[in-house]
Structures are given as C-alpha cells and as structure tokens.
C-alpha cells in the first residue's frame, strides 16, 4: 500500500505542477506576440476614416477666412443699404455707444468700420456651423420681414421662427417636445427686440442654454447677451435684404465646402 501511494503522489505532482521545461508553450506566451499583432482590415479602414474626418473638421480652423466671406460685401454696399442709420438719440442704449460714430439731426449714425469687422466674424462663424452640419435657426418678430426671412431660411435648407415666441421653447424643450430633442446650434436674430424697448425672449433663453447667437443690434438694442453682435440698422428693407443675402450665401458656402471636403477625403 505504501508503495502504491508513493507512485500515485508522484504521478499527480507530474501532471498538475508542470515546470517551464515541461510545458513551455502552454505556460509562457511567445515573446513576439505583442509585436506580431496586425490589425484587421476593417480596423485599418476605421482608423483611416476617423483620421480623415478629423482633418476635415480641423483644416478650416487653421485659416482666418476659410470660406472667403469677406468678399461677399463691401463698406459701400453697407452704406448704400443704409446700414449706418440708427434711431433717435433719445432711444439710444448705453451699451451701443462704442458702435456709434456720431449724431446728426438727433439721429445716431453707426460706425460702419466696426460693422464690417463684426459682420465678417458673424458670417465666418455661421459658415463654420453650416460646414459642421449644425442646425441654424433664423429668428425675427417683425411682421414686415417674416416672409423674407422664412424664404431665406428655406433657400439655404435651414429653419426660421418669425411668430410669437412662447417662453420655454429652449429652456423646457424636454417638456415641450419630449426627451432627446436637438436644439439649434446657432440662432440668428435679424431683430433682437419684440417692440421698441422689449427684448426678444429667445435672446435670454439662448444665453441660458449656452447656444451661440448672431444678432443685428440697432442703437436701441442691448448687445450684451449676443455672442456675435452686428451693429446696424434693422428697420430699413434694403438693409434687412442685404443681411438675408449675406447669411444665405454664408450658409451655402459652408455646406458646399463640406461636400467638396468629403469628396476629397473619400468620406
């Protein structure tokens, strides 16, 4: 019996306690395993696609005027469209004083040199949003230009809201529309006031929701809550028509550049 127990113990120790010299292939992985790993063809394609997408999104940010929006207008066109004409001095908002060139016959005159710079930044930002396939919302409360602004949004494939703005459309969107609704990536205000003194409700709501805004601010407007204020006349039809044309062309340029880049990078 003692001899049998000794043989069994020796057999079990040989089977269940192998040394590196007995089972080297099982106990130790090959040293070249990490260096010999080759990704599958699908993973190579996914990595190349993500790299191309990153270059597609980052390339426009390397240039100050990638969409060439500065060539869309000139200071003389702004002057001919009467963008420089403001309201009476008595309606002037104190935060608009840096944008006022002077006063003539009790009517404020807007500095068009500053309007040109602010308009370029606003159009460039709008084109970047369109390039990244963002949702752009055109907003105005003026009944006189509601049809024009709605047609402008339709021509460039975006959205417009030109009627009464119900409070909470942005701040309580999950209750108004349901969970998972997508808010606009940019709101363009052609008029930031509901009347002579009352600010549009969407200006405050967009600031609460951290939605970037572009707005035409006349001399009686408050530009503090607008991300990209454009000092200019918001009452004259020729000026509003010019704004609509410029924003429409900026959006179309952004979308056309995106299509060209996708064809270039094969996306």
Protein backbone atom coordinates (compact mmCIF):
# COMPACT_ATOMS: atom_id res chain seq x y z
CA UNK A 1 0.00 0.00 0.00
CA UNK A 2 2.79 2.43 0.84
CA UNK A 3 4.45 1.78 -2.49
CA UNK A 4 1.14 2.40 -4.37
CA UNK A 5 0.53 5.73 -2.52
CA UNK A 6 4.02 6.88 -3.40
CA UNK A 7 3.55 6.13 -7.09
CA UNK A 8 0.17 7.94 -7.19
CA UNK A 9 1.63 11.02 -5.43
CA UNK A 10 4.50 11.17 -7.93
CA UNK A 11 2.07 10.86 -10.87
CA UNK A 12 -0.18 13.71 -9.62
CA UNK A 13 2.80 16.01 -9.00
CA UNK A 14 3.99 15.44 -12.57
CA UNK A 15 0.55 16.18 -14.08
CA UNK A 16 -0.62 19.27 -12.13
CA UNK A 17 2.63 21.08 -11.30
CA UNK A 18 4.36 21.50 -14.69
CA UNK A 19 7.64 23.33 -14.97
CA UNK A 20 8.72 25.69 -17.72
CA UNK A 21 10.88 22.93 -19.17
CA UNK A 22 7.90 20.52 -19.45
CA UNK A 23 5.20 22.85 -20.96
CA UNK A 24 6.94 25.98 -22.24
CA UNK A 25 4.35 26.63 -24.93
CA UNK A 26 1.38 26.49 -22.52
CA UNK A 27 2.73 28.35 -19.51
CA UNK A 28 4.58 31.16 -21.29
CA UNK A 29 3.20 33.18 -24.22
CA UNK A 30 5.60 33.83 -27.09
CA UNK A 31 7.70 36.98 -26.60
CA UNK A 32 6.96 38.27 -30.11
CA UNK A 33 3.17 38.24 -29.54
CA UNK A 34 2.82 41.99 -28.92
CA UNK A 35 4.98 42.99 -31.88
CA UNK A 36 3.50 40.50 -34.29
CA UNK A 37 -0.11 41.71 -33.83
CA UNK A 38 -1.60 43.02 -37.10
CA UNK A 39 -4.97 44.86 -37.08
CA UNK A 40 -7.75 43.51 -39.20
CA UNK A 41 -8.52 45.27 -42.50
CA UNK A 42 -11.78 46.67 -41.08
CA UNK A 43 -9.93 48.27 -38.17
CA UNK A 44 -7.44 49.83 -40.58
CA UNK A 45 -10.29 51.33 -42.57
CA UNK A 46 -11.98 52.70 -39.46
CA UNK A 47 -8.77 54.34 -38.25
CA UNK A 48 -8.15 55.93 -41.64
CA UNK A 49 -11.74 57.19 -41.79
CA UNK A 50 -11.55 58.78 -38.34
CA UNK A 51 -8.24 60.43 -39.25
CA UNK A 52 -9.72 61.86 -42.44
CA UNK A 53 -12.75 63.15 -40.54
CA UNK A 54 -10.52 64.86 -38.00
CA UNK A 55 -8.54 66.57 -40.76
CA UNK A 56 -11.78 67.56 -42.47
CA UNK A 57 -13.01 69.30 -39.30
CA UNK A 58 -9.73 70.88 -38.23
CA UNK A 59 -8.50 72.21 -41.57
CA UNK A 60 -10.93 75.20 -41.73
CA UNK A 61 -9.86 76.32 -38.25
CA UNK A 62 -6.29 76.92 -39.42
CA UNK A 63 -7.29 79.81 -41.70
CA UNK A 64 -8.87 83.10 -40.58
CA UNK A 65 -11.23 83.32 -43.58
CA UNK A 66 -11.51 79.80 -44.92
CA UNK A 67 -14.88 80.46 -46.62
CA UNK A 68 -13.89 83.88 -48.07
CA UNK A 69 -16.90 85.65 -46.59
CA UNK A 70 -15.10 88.99 -46.66
CA UNK A 71 -15.52 89.16 -50.42
CA UNK A 72 -19.30 88.93 -50.16
CA UNK A 73 -19.77 92.60 -49.27
CA UNK A 74 -18.05 95.96 -49.07
CA UNK A 75 -18.40 99.04 -46.91
CA UNK A 76 -20.01 100.91 -49.81
CA UNK A 77 -22.72 98.24 -50.10
CA UNK A 78 -23.47 98.63 -46.41
CA UNK A 79 -23.68 102.40 -46.83
CA UNK A 80 -25.96 102.15 -49.87
CA UNK A 81 -28.24 99.77 -47.93
CA UNK A 82 -28.47 102.39 -45.12
CA UNK A 83 -27.00 100.09 -42.52
CA UNK A 84 -25.44 103.12 -40.82
CA UNK A 85 -28.75 104.78 -39.88
CA UNK A 86 -29.72 104.35 -36.23
CA UNK A 87 -32.59 105.55 -34.07
CA UNK A 88 -33.14 108.88 -32.40
CA UNK A 89 -30.73 109.88 -29.67
CA UNK A 90 -33.41 109.53 -27.01
CA UNK A 91 -33.78 105.78 -27.77
CA UNK A 92 -30.05 105.07 -27.56
CA UNK A 93 -28.95 102.15 -25.40
CA UNK A 94 -25.88 102.94 -23.31
CA UNK A 95 -24.11 99.69 -24.33
CA UNK A 96 -24.33 100.71 -28.00
CA UNK A 97 -22.29 103.87 -27.54
CA UNK A 98 -18.96 102.25 -28.60
CA UNK A 99 -20.51 101.44 -32.00
CA UNK A 100 -21.90 104.94 -32.71
CA UNK A 101 -19.88 107.19 -35.00
CA UNK A 102 -21.79 110.37 -34.23
CA UNK A 103 -25.18 112.06 -34.23
CA UNK A 104 -26.77 114.13 -36.99
CA UNK A 105 -30.10 115.94 -36.63
CA UNK A 106 -30.76 113.99 -33.42
CA UNK A 107 -30.31 110.65 -35.27
CA UNK A 108 -27.46 108.31 -34.31
CA UNK A 109 -25.02 107.23 -37.03
CA UNK A 110 -23.43 103.77 -36.69
CA UNK A 111 -19.71 103.33 -37.33
CA UNK A 112 -19.57 101.15 -40.45
CA UNK A 113 -15.89 100.30 -39.94
CA UNK A 114 -16.86 98.39 -36.81
CA UNK A 115 -19.87 96.91 -38.57
CA UNK A 116 -17.62 95.47 -41.30
CA UNK A 117 -15.40 93.70 -38.75
CA UNK A 118 -18.28 92.34 -36.66
CA UNK A 119 -20.16 91.21 -39.76
CA UNK A 120 -17.15 89.28 -41.03
CA UNK A 121 -16.78 87.41 -37.72
CA UNK A 122 -20.51 86.61 -37.67
CA UNK A 123 -20.62 85.35 -41.26
CA UNK A 124 -17.46 83.30 -40.76
CA UNK A 125 -18.89 81.67 -37.64
CA UNK A 126 -22.16 80.95 -39.46
CA UNK A 127 -20.28 79.28 -42.32
CA UNK A 128 -18.34 77.13 -39.83
CA UNK A 129 -21.59 75.96 -38.21
CA UNK A 130 -23.03 75.06 -41.61
CA UNK A 131 -19.77 73.29 -42.53
CA UNK A 132 -20.08 71.09 -39.43
CA UNK A 133 -23.72 70.26 -40.30
CA UNK A 134 -25.18 72.29 -37.44
CA UNK A 135 -28.79 73.41 -37.15
CA UNK A 136 -29.25 77.15 -37.79
CA UNK A 137 -32.42 78.97 -36.73
CA UNK A 138 -33.39 82.38 -38.17
CA UNK A 139 -35.49 84.41 -35.73
CA UNK A 140 -37.40 87.66 -36.14
CA UNK A 141 -40.53 89.17 -34.62
CA UNK A 142 -41.05 91.79 -37.33
CA UNK A 143 -44.15 91.08 -39.38
CA UNK A 144 -42.83 93.20 -42.23
CA UNK A 145 -39.91 90.83 -42.92
CA UNK A 146 -41.35 87.49 -41.79
CA UNK A 147 -41.90 86.20 -45.33
CA UNK A 148 -38.45 87.31 -46.49
CA UNK A 149 -36.65 85.67 -43.55
CA UNK A 150 -38.67 82.47 -43.89
CA UNK A 151 -37.85 82.27 -47.61
CA UNK A 152 -34.15 82.89 -46.86
CA UNK A 153 -34.06 80.01 -44.40
CA UNK A 154 -35.83 77.72 -46.86
CA UNK A 155 -33.45 78.59 -49.70
CA UNK A 156 -30.39 77.57 -47.69
CA UNK A 157 -32.00 74.50 -46.10
CA UNK A 158 -32.37 75.86 -42.55
CA UNK A 159 -35.18 76.87 -40.19
CA UNK A 160 -36.98 80.09 -39.28
CA UNK A 161 -39.26 81.31 -36.49
CA UNK A 162 -41.00 84.61 -37.25
CA UNK A 163 -44.05 84.48 -34.98
CA UNK A 164 -44.76 84.85 -31.29
CA UNK A 165 -42.07 83.09 -29.24
CA UNK A 166 -43.56 81.02 -26.46
CA UNK A 167 -41.41 81.08 -23.33
CA UNK A 168 -39.63 77.85 -22.51
CA UNK A 169 -39.14 76.56 -26.07
CA UNK A 170 -35.42 76.28 -25.36
CA UNK A 171 -35.19 76.07 -21.58
CA UNK A 172 -38.01 73.49 -21.26
CA UNK A 173 -37.53 71.72 -24.57
CA UNK A 174 -37.66 68.27 -22.97
CA UNK A 175 -41.19 69.06 -21.74
CA UNK A 176 -42.35 70.92 -24.84
CA UNK A 177 -41.11 68.37 -27.40
CA UNK A 178 -40.01 65.31 -25.42
CA UNK A 179 -36.72 63.82 -24.32
CA UNK A 180 -33.86 63.75 -26.81
CA UNK A 181 -34.85 66.74 -28.97
CA UNK A 182 -31.92 68.55 -30.58
CA UNK A 183 -31.69 72.29 -30.01
CA UNK A 184 -30.30 74.63 -32.68
CA UNK A 185 -26.54 75.01 -32.85
CA UNK A 186 -26.83 78.69 -33.83
CA UNK A 187 -29.60 81.28 -33.65
CA UNK A 188 -29.50 84.32 -35.95
CA UNK A 189 -31.59 87.28 -34.80
CA UNK A 190 -32.48 89.73 -37.54
CA UNK A 191 -34.34 91.71 -34.87
CA UNK A 192 -33.40 91.34 -31.19
CA UNK A 193 -36.46 93.32 -29.96
CA UNK A 194 -40.15 92.48 -29.94
CA UNK A 195 -41.03 96.18 -29.96
CA UNK A 196 -39.17 99.42 -29.38
CA UNK A 197 -37.98 98.56 -25.86
CA UNK A 198 -38.77 94.87 -25.12
CA UNK A 199 -36.04 92.35 -25.85
CA UNK A 200 -36.86 89.11 -27.65
CA UNK A 201 -37.42 86.26 -25.20
CA UNK A 202 -35.23 83.88 -27.22
CA UNK A 203 -32.17 86.08 -26.63
CA UNK A 204 -32.33 85.43 -22.90
CA UNK A 205 -33.26 81.74 -23.30
CA UNK A 206 -30.40 81.10 -25.74
CA UNK A 207 -27.94 82.68 -23.29
CA UNK A 208 -29.25 80.40 -20.54
CA UNK A 209 -28.79 77.30 -22.71
CA UNK A 210 -25.30 78.37 -23.94
CA UNK A 211 -26.49 78.47 -27.56
CA UNK A 212 -24.32 80.85 -29.65
CA UNK A 213 -26.22 83.73 -31.21
CA UNK A 214 -25.70 86.22 -34.02
CA UNK A 215 -27.79 89.37 -33.89
CA UNK A 216 -28.34 92.64 -35.73
CA UNK A 217 -28.28 95.27 -32.98
CA UNK A 218 -29.59 98.74 -33.67
CA UNK A 219 -28.76 101.72 -31.48
CA UNK A 220 -31.73 100.97 -29.18
CA UNK A 221 -30.74 97.31 -28.57
CA UNK A 222 -28.81 95.60 -25.79
CA UNK A 223 -25.84 93.69 -27.31
CA UNK A 224 -24.59 92.15 -24.05
CA UNK A 225 -26.33 88.76 -24.45
CA UNK A 226 -25.50 88.32 -28.15
CA UNK A 227 -22.43 86.19 -28.91
CA UNK A 228 -21.69 87.95 -32.23
CA UNK A 229 -23.41 91.36 -32.31
CA UNK A 230 -23.56 93.22 -35.62
CA UNK A 231 -24.18 96.95 -35.16
CA UNK A 232 -26.53 98.04 -37.91
CA UNK A 233 -29.93 99.26 -38.96
CA UNK A 234 -32.64 96.61 -38.51
CA UNK A 235 -35.63 98.59 -39.81
CA UNK A 236 -34.86 99.56 -43.41
CA UNK A 237 -35.94 96.95 -46.01
CA UNK A 238 -32.77 97.36 -48.07
CA UNK A 239 -30.62 96.63 -45.00
CA UNK A 240 -32.60 93.54 -44.00
CA UNK A 241 -32.49 92.24 -47.58
CA UNK A 242 -28.72 92.63 -47.52
CA UNK A 243 -28.44 90.72 -44.24
CA UNK A 244 -30.59 87.89 -45.61
CA UNK A 245 -28.50 87.62 -48.76
CA UNK A 246 -25.22 87.55 -46.84
CA UNK A 247 -26.29 84.93 -44.32
CA UNK A 248 -27.82 82.75 -47.03
CA UNK A 249 -24.61 82.84 -49.07
CA UNK A 250 -22.51 82.09 -45.97
CA UNK A 251 -24.58 79.01 -45.13
CA UNK A 252 -24.48 77.77 -48.72
CA UNK A 253 -20.72 78.27 -48.88
CA UNK A 254 -20.22 76.30 -45.70
CA UNK A 255 -22.31 73.40 -46.97
CA UNK A 256 -20.64 73.39 -50.40
CA UNK A 257 -17.19 73.33 -48.78
CA UNK A 258 -18.26 70.35 -46.68
CA UNK A 259 -19.34 68.42 -49.77
CA UNK A 260 -16.05 69.19 -51.50
CA UNK A 261 -14.04 68.11 -48.45
CA UNK A 262 -15.96 64.83 -48.15
CA UNK A 263 -15.24 64.03 -51.79
CA UNK A 264 -11.60 64.95 -51.31
CA UNK A 265 -11.10 62.75 -48.25
CA UNK A 266 -13.36 59.97 -49.54
CA UNK A 267 -15.93 60.13 -46.73
